[in-house]
Amino acid sequence: MPIDKRLTDLEIKATLTEDLLDQLNKTVFMQQQQIDFLAQELKILRQQIPHERPSQTQNLIDEIPPHY
């Protein structure tokens, strides 16, 4: 295989690898943004849940089953 052909093949592979790396970086960046957003949403939802004390927990026997 001539050196020129091998060099061209290596340049093509390097270019494709760089493109793939750019795509992966964009994907990781977008996923991190989504994780950050979901973590913030979870934090907000946890703040909305009333904090129950153990003495305030209800007895399951006192609850009416959903079919009644």
N, C-alpha and C. Protein backbone atom coordinates (compact mmCIF):
# COMPACT_ATOMS: atom_id res chain seq x y z
N MET A 1 0.86 -1.17 0.00
CA MET A 1 0.00 0.00 0.00
C MET A 1 0.91 1.24 0.00
N PRO A 2 0.70 2.12 -0.94
CA PRO A 2 1.56 3.31 -1.01
C PRO A 2 1.37 4.19 0.23
N ILE A 3 2.42 4.89 0.59
CA ILE A 3 2.40 5.76 1.77
C ILE A 3 1.35 6.86 1.63
N ASP A 4 1.16 7.41 0.44
CA ASP A 4 0.16 8.46 0.24
C ASP A 4 -1.24 7.95 0.57
N LYS A 5 -1.56 6.74 0.15
CA LYS A 5 -2.88 6.15 0.44
C LYS A 5 -3.04 5.93 1.93
N ARG A 6 -2.02 5.43 2.59
CA ARG A 6 -2.08 5.20 4.04
C ARG A 6 -2.24 6.52 4.78
N LEU A 7 -1.52 7.53 4.35
CA LEU A 7 -1.62 8.84 4.98
C LEU A 7 -3.01 9.42 4.81
N THR A 8 -3.57 9.29 3.62
CA THR A 8 -4.93 9.78 3.35
C THR A 8 -5.94 9.04 4.23
N ASP A 9 -5.80 7.72 4.35
CA ASP A 9 -6.70 6.94 5.19
C ASP A 9 -6.61 7.37 6.65
N LEU A 10 -5.40 7.61 7.13
CA LEU A 10 -5.22 8.06 8.51
C LEU A 10 -5.82 9.44 8.73
N GLU A 11 -5.68 10.34 7.76
CA GLU A 11 -6.28 11.67 7.87
C GLU A 11 -7.80 11.57 7.92
N ILE A 12 -8.37 10.68 7.10
CA ILE A 12 -9.83 10.49 7.10
C ILE A 12 -10.28 9.96 8.47
N LYS A 13 -9.57 8.96 8.98
CA LYS A 13 -9.92 8.40 10.29
C LYS A 13 -9.81 9.45 11.39
N ALA A 14 -8.76 10.27 11.33
CA ALA A 14 -8.58 11.31 12.34
C ALA A 14 -9.73 12.32 12.28
N THR A 15 -10.13 12.69 11.07
CA THR A 15 -11.24 13.64 10.91
C THR A 15 -12.54 13.05 11.44
N LEU A 16 -12.81 11.79 11.11
CA LEU A 16 -14.03 11.14 11.60
C LEU A 16 -14.00 11.00 13.12
N THR A 17 -12.84 10.72 13.66
CA THR A 17 -12.71 10.61 15.11
C THR A 17 -12.96 11.95 15.78
N GLU A 18 -12.45 13.01 15.22
CA GLU A 18 -12.70 14.35 15.77
C GLU A 18 -14.18 14.70 15.73
N ASP A 19 -14.84 14.37 14.62
CA ASP A 19 -16.28 14.63 14.51
C ASP A 19 -17.06 13.83 15.56
N LEU A 20 -16.68 12.58 15.71
CA LEU A 20 -17.35 11.74 16.70
C LEU A 20 -17.14 12.29 18.11
N LEU A 21 -15.93 12.71 18.41
CA LEU A 21 -15.64 13.28 19.72
C LEU A 21 -16.45 14.56 19.96
N ASP A 22 -16.58 15.40 18.95
CA ASP A 22 -17.41 16.60 19.08
C ASP A 22 -18.86 16.25 19.37
N GLN A 23 -19.38 15.24 18.67
CA GLN A 23 -20.77 14.81 18.89
C GLN A 23 -20.94 14.27 20.31
N LEU A 24 -19.98 13.48 20.76
CA LEU A 24 -20.06 12.93 22.11
C LEU A 24 -19.98 14.04 23.16
N ASN A 25 -19.13 15.02 22.94
CA ASN A 25 -19.04 16.13 23.88
C ASN A 25 -20.35 16.91 23.96
N LYS A 26 -20.97 17.13 22.81
CA LYS A 26 -22.27 17.82 22.80
C LYS A 26 -23.32 17.01 23.53
N THR A 27 -23.30 15.70 23.31
CA THR A 27 -24.28 14.83 23.97
C THR A 27 -24.08 14.84 25.49
N VAL A 28 -22.84 14.73 25.93
CA VAL A 28 -22.55 14.75 27.36
C VAL A 28 -22.95 16.09 27.96
N PHE A 29 -22.67 17.18 27.26
CA PHE A 29 -23.03 18.51 27.75
C PHE A 29 -24.55 18.63 27.90
N MET A 30 -25.30 18.18 26.90
CA MET A 30 -26.76 18.26 26.97
C MET A 30 -27.30 17.37 28.08
N GLN A 31 -26.71 16.20 28.26
CA GLN A 31 -27.16 15.32 29.33
C GLN A 31 -26.88 15.94 30.70
N GLN A 32 -25.74 16.59 30.83
CA GLN A 32 -25.43 17.23 32.11
C GLN A 32 -26.41 18.37 32.39
N GLN A 33 -26.78 19.11 31.36
CA GLN A 33 -27.78 20.17 31.54
C GLN A 33 -29.10 19.58 32.00
N GLN A 34 -29.49 18.45 31.40
CA GLN A 34 -30.75 17.81 31.79
C GLN A 34 -30.66 17.27 33.22
N ILE A 35 -29.53 16.69 33.59
CA ILE A 35 -29.35 16.20 34.96
C ILE A 35 -29.45 17.36 35.95
N ASP A 36 -28.81 18.47 35.64
CA ASP A 36 -28.87 19.64 36.52
C ASP A 36 -30.30 20.15 36.65
N PHE A 37 -31.03 20.19 35.54
CA PHE A 37 -32.42 20.64 35.56
C PHE A 37 -33.27 19.70 36.42
N LEU A 38 -33.11 18.39 36.21
CA LEU A 38 -33.90 17.43 36.97
C LEU A 38 -33.54 17.45 38.45
N ALA A 39 -32.28 17.67 38.77
CA ALA A 39 -31.88 17.77 40.17
C ALA A 39 -32.54 18.98 40.82
N GLN A 40 -32.60 20.09 40.10
CA GLN A 40 -33.27 21.29 40.62
C GLN A 40 -34.77 21.05 40.80
N GLU A 41 -35.38 20.38 39.83
CA GLU A 41 -36.81 20.06 39.94
C GLU A 41 -37.06 19.16 41.16
N LEU A 42 -36.20 18.17 41.36
CA LEU A 42 -36.34 17.28 42.51
C LEU A 42 -36.21 18.04 43.82
N LYS A 43 -35.28 18.97 43.85
CA LYS A 43 -35.10 19.80 45.05
C LYS A 43 -36.36 20.60 45.34
N ILE A 44 -36.95 21.17 44.30
CA ILE A 44 -38.19 21.95 44.47
C ILE A 44 -39.32 21.06 44.95
N LEU A 45 -39.45 19.88 44.36
CA LEU A 45 -40.52 18.96 44.76
C LEU A 45 -40.35 18.50 46.20
N ARG A 46 -39.10 18.25 46.60
CA ARG A 46 -38.87 17.83 47.99
C ARG A 46 -39.23 18.94 48.96
N GLN A 47 -39.03 20.19 48.57
CA GLN A 47 -39.39 21.30 49.43
C GLN A 47 -40.90 21.45 49.56
N GLN A 48 -41.64 20.98 48.57
CA GLN A 48 -43.10 21.10 48.60
C GLN A 48 -43.75 20.01 49.44
N ILE A 49 -43.04 18.92 49.69
CA ILE A 49 -43.59 17.83 50.49
C ILE A 49 -43.57 18.25 51.96
N PRO A 50 -44.72 18.12 52.62
CA PRO A 50 -44.72 18.48 54.05
C PRO A 50 -43.86 17.48 54.83
N HIS A 51 -43.10 18.01 55.74
CA HIS A 51 -42.24 17.16 56.56
C HIS A 51 -43.06 16.60 57.70
N GLU A 52 -43.23 15.29 57.71
CA GLU A 52 -44.01 14.65 58.77
C GLU A 52 -43.07 14.19 59.87
N ARG A 53 -43.55 14.33 61.06
CA ARG A 53 -42.81 13.80 62.20
C ARG A 53 -43.32 12.38 62.46
N PRO A 54 -42.52 11.54 63.06
CA PRO A 54 -42.96 10.17 63.33
C PRO A 54 -44.25 10.11 64.14
N SER A 55 -44.49 11.07 65.03
CA SER A 55 -45.71 11.07 65.83
C SER A 55 -46.93 11.43 64.99
N GLN A 56 -46.72 12.03 63.84
CA GLN A 56 -47.83 12.44 63.00
C GLN A 56 -48.20 11.38 61.96
N THR A 57 -47.45 10.31 61.88
CA THR A 57 -47.75 9.30 60.88
C THR A 57 -49.08 8.64 61.22
N GLN A 58 -49.81 8.31 60.18
CA GLN A 58 -51.13 7.72 60.36
C GLN A 58 -51.01 6.20 60.44
N ASN A 59 -51.92 5.64 61.17
CA ASN A 59 -51.98 4.20 61.28
C ASN A 59 -52.71 3.67 60.04
N LEU A 60 -52.14 2.68 59.39
CA LEU A 60 -52.76 2.14 58.17
C LEU A 60 -54.11 1.50 58.46
N ILE A 61 -54.34 1.04 59.67
CA ILE A 61 -55.63 0.43 60.04
C ILE A 61 -56.73 1.48 60.01
N ASP A 62 -56.41 2.74 60.33
CA ASP A 62 -57.40 3.81 60.37
C ASP A 62 -57.79 4.31 58.99
N GLU A 63 -57.02 3.98 57.99
CA GLU A 63 -57.31 4.46 56.64
C GLU A 63 -58.37 3.59 55.96
N ILE A 64 -59.21 4.23 55.18
CA ILE A 64 -60.24 3.52 54.45
C ILE A 64 -59.64 3.00 53.14
N PRO A 65 -59.85 1.76 52.82
CA PRO A 65 -59.31 1.22 51.56
C PRO A 65 -59.89 2.00 50.36
N PRO A 66 -59.18 2.08 49.26
CA PRO A 66 -59.62 2.89 48.13
C PRO A 66 -60.92 2.43 47.48
N HIS A 67 -61.34 1.18 47.68
CA HIS A 67 -62.56 0.72 47.05
C HIS A 67 -63.82 1.08 47.84
N TYR A 68 -63.68 1.75 48.98
CA TYR A 68 -64.86 2.18 49.76
C TYR A 68 -65.21 3.59 49.45
